[in-house]
Amino acid sequence: MADVQTAIVGETNAVNRYAYLASIAPNLEIRNILTSILGDEYGHIRTWLALLQNAATS
């Protein structure tokens, strides 16, 4: 469980970093790329949270 929680923290840190980078992106194209990656990271968090919830109820 600790590994899953560590993964969630890592993904959350990635979300924060990509959000910051998108906020200072030099142009719209780069901002859009970073925003897309940000969406992927949110998806990773949802996956890890579902795994954690599933393990807790098993």
N, C-alpha and C. Protein backbone atom coordinates (compact mmCIF):
# COMPACT_ATOMS: atom_id res chain seq x y z
N MET A 1 0.81 -1.20 0.00
CA MET A 1 0.00 0.00 0.00
C MET A 1 0.85 1.26 0.00
N ALA A 2 1.98 1.21 0.68
CA ALA A 2 2.84 2.38 0.74
C ALA A 2 3.34 2.75 -0.66
N ASP A 3 3.62 1.73 -1.49
CA ASP A 3 4.07 2.02 -2.85
C ASP A 3 3.00 2.72 -3.66
N VAL A 4 1.75 2.33 -3.48
CA VAL A 4 0.65 2.97 -4.20
C VAL A 4 0.49 4.41 -3.72
N GLN A 5 0.58 4.61 -2.43
CA GLN A 5 0.47 5.97 -1.90
C GLN A 5 1.63 6.84 -2.38
N THR A 6 2.82 6.26 -2.48
CA THR A 6 3.97 6.98 -3.00
C THR A 6 3.74 7.35 -4.46
N ALA A 7 3.16 6.43 -5.22
CA ALA A 7 2.86 6.71 -6.62
C ALA A 7 1.85 7.84 -6.75
N ILE A 8 0.85 7.86 -5.89
CA ILE A 8 -0.16 8.93 -5.92
C ILE A 8 0.50 10.28 -5.62
N VAL A 9 1.37 10.32 -4.65
CA VAL A 9 2.09 11.56 -4.33
C VAL A 9 2.93 12.00 -5.53
N GLY A 10 3.61 11.04 -6.16
CA GLY A 10 4.42 11.37 -7.33
C GLY A 10 3.60 11.93 -8.47
N GLU A 11 2.46 11.31 -8.73
CA GLU A 11 1.57 11.79 -9.79
C GLU A 11 1.02 13.18 -9.45
N THR A 12 0.69 13.40 -8.19
CA THR A 12 0.19 14.70 -7.76
C THR A 12 1.26 15.77 -7.95
N ASN A 13 2.49 15.43 -7.62
CA ASN A 13 3.60 16.37 -7.84
C ASN A 13 3.76 16.67 -9.33
N ALA A 14 3.60 15.64 -10.16
CA ALA A 14 3.69 15.85 -11.61
C ALA A 14 2.58 16.77 -12.10
N VAL A 15 1.37 16.59 -11.59
CA VAL A 15 0.25 17.47 -11.96
C VAL A 15 0.60 18.91 -11.62
N ASN A 16 1.10 19.13 -10.41
CA ASN A 16 1.45 20.49 -10.00
C ASN A 16 2.54 21.08 -10.89
N ARG A 17 3.52 20.27 -11.23
CA ARG A 17 4.63 20.76 -12.05
C ARG A 17 4.15 21.10 -13.46
N TYR A 18 3.38 20.18 -14.07
CA TYR A 18 2.89 20.47 -15.43
C TYR A 18 1.94 21.65 -15.44
N ALA A 19 1.14 21.82 -14.41
CA ALA A 19 0.24 22.98 -14.33
C ALA A 19 1.06 24.26 -14.28
N TYR A 20 2.12 24.24 -13.49
CA TYR A 20 2.98 25.42 -13.42
C TYR A 20 3.63 25.69 -14.77
N LEU A 21 4.19 24.65 -15.38
CA LEU A 21 4.85 24.83 -16.68
C LEU A 21 3.87 25.34 -17.73
N ALA A 22 2.64 24.83 -17.71
CA ALA A 22 1.63 25.31 -18.66
C ALA A 22 1.32 26.78 -18.41
N SER A 23 1.34 27.18 -17.15
CA SER A 23 1.02 28.58 -16.83
C SER A 23 2.09 29.55 -17.32
N ILE A 24 3.29 29.06 -17.51
CA ILE A 24 4.37 29.94 -17.98
C ILE A 24 4.85 29.59 -19.38
N ALA A 25 4.10 28.74 -20.07
CA ALA A 25 4.49 28.32 -21.42
C ALA A 25 4.64 29.53 -22.32
N PRO A 26 5.65 29.50 -23.18
CA PRO A 26 5.90 30.66 -24.03
C PRO A 26 4.89 30.85 -25.16
N ASN A 27 4.14 29.79 -25.49
CA ASN A 27 3.14 29.93 -26.54
C ASN A 27 2.02 28.91 -26.36
N LEU A 28 0.97 29.08 -27.13
CA LEU A 28 -0.21 28.25 -27.00
C LEU A 28 0.06 26.79 -27.34
N GLU A 29 0.90 26.55 -28.33
CA GLU A 29 1.19 25.16 -28.71
C GLU A 29 1.82 24.39 -27.56
N ILE A 30 2.80 24.97 -26.91
CA ILE A 30 3.45 24.31 -25.78
C ILE A 30 2.48 24.19 -24.62
N ARG A 31 1.69 25.22 -24.38
CA ARG A 31 0.68 25.16 -23.31
C ARG A 31 -0.30 24.01 -23.55
N ASN A 32 -0.73 23.84 -24.79
CA ASN A 32 -1.65 22.75 -25.11
C ASN A 32 -1.01 21.38 -24.91
N ILE A 33 0.24 21.24 -25.27
CA ILE A 33 0.95 19.97 -25.06
C ILE A 33 1.05 19.67 -23.57
N LEU A 34 1.44 20.67 -22.79
CA LEU A 34 1.56 20.47 -21.34
C LEU A 34 0.22 20.19 -20.70
N THR A 35 -0.82 20.83 -21.19
CA THR A 35 -2.17 20.58 -20.66
C THR A 35 -2.61 19.16 -20.98
N SER A 36 -2.25 18.66 -22.14
CA SER A 36 -2.56 17.28 -22.50
C SER A 36 -1.85 16.30 -21.56
N ILE A 37 -0.59 16.55 -21.31
CA ILE A 37 0.18 15.71 -20.38
C ILE A 37 -0.44 15.80 -18.99
N LEU A 38 -0.86 16.97 -18.60
CA LEU A 38 -1.52 17.17 -17.31
C LEU A 38 -2.76 16.28 -17.19
N GLY A 39 -3.53 16.20 -18.25
CA GLY A 39 -4.69 15.32 -18.25
C GLY A 39 -4.31 13.87 -18.07
N ASP A 40 -3.21 13.46 -18.71
CA ASP A 40 -2.72 12.09 -18.52
C ASP A 40 -2.37 11.82 -17.07
N GLU A 41 -1.71 12.79 -16.45
CA GLU A 41 -1.31 12.62 -15.05
C GLU A 41 -2.53 12.49 -14.13
N TYR A 42 -3.58 13.28 -14.41
CA TYR A 42 -4.82 13.14 -13.64
C TYR A 42 -5.39 11.73 -13.80
N GLY A 43 -5.30 11.20 -15.02
CA GLY A 43 -5.75 9.84 -15.26
C GLY A 43 -4.97 8.83 -14.46
N HIS A 44 -3.67 9.05 -14.34
CA HIS A 44 -2.84 8.15 -13.54
C HIS A 44 -3.27 8.19 -12.08
N ILE A 45 -3.55 9.38 -11.58
CA ILE A 45 -4.00 9.51 -10.19
C ILE A 45 -5.30 8.74 -9.99
N ARG A 46 -6.24 8.89 -10.91
CA ARG A 46 -7.51 8.17 -10.80
C ARG A 46 -7.28 6.66 -10.79
N THR A 47 -6.37 6.19 -11.62
CA THR A 47 -6.07 4.76 -11.67
C THR A 47 -5.49 4.27 -10.35
N TRP A 48 -4.53 4.99 -9.82
CA TRP A 48 -3.92 4.61 -8.54
C TRP A 48 -4.93 4.66 -7.40
N LEU A 49 -5.79 5.68 -7.40
CA LEU A 49 -6.81 5.77 -6.35
C LEU A 49 -7.79 4.61 -6.43
N ALA A 50 -8.16 4.22 -7.64
CA ALA A 50 -9.07 3.08 -7.80
C ALA A 50 -8.41 1.80 -7.31
N LEU A 51 -7.13 1.64 -7.62
CA LEU A 51 -6.39 0.47 -7.13
C LEU A 51 -6.33 0.46 -5.61
N LEU A 52 -6.07 1.61 -5.04
CA LEU A 52 -6.00 1.72 -3.59
C LEU A 52 -7.35 1.41 -2.95
N GLN A 53 -8.42 1.96 -3.52
CA GLN A 53 -9.76 1.71 -2.99
C GLN A 53 -10.13 0.24 -3.13
N ASN A 54 -9.79 -0.36 -4.26
CA ASN A 54 -10.09 -1.76 -4.49
C ASN A 54 -9.33 -2.64 -3.48
N ALA A 55 -8.08 -2.32 -3.21
CA ALA A 55 -7.30 -3.09 -2.25
C ALA A 55 -7.85 -2.94 -0.84
N ALA A 56 -8.36 -1.75 -0.53
CA ALA A 56 -8.89 -1.50 0.82
C ALA A 56 -10.20 -2.24 1.06
N THR A 57 -10.96 -2.49 0.00
CA THR A 57 -12.25 -3.16 0.17
C THR A 57 -12.15 -4.67 -0.03
N SER A 58 -10.98 -5.15 -0.42
CA SER A 58 -10.81 -6.60 -0.64
C SER A 58 -10.44 -7.33 0.62
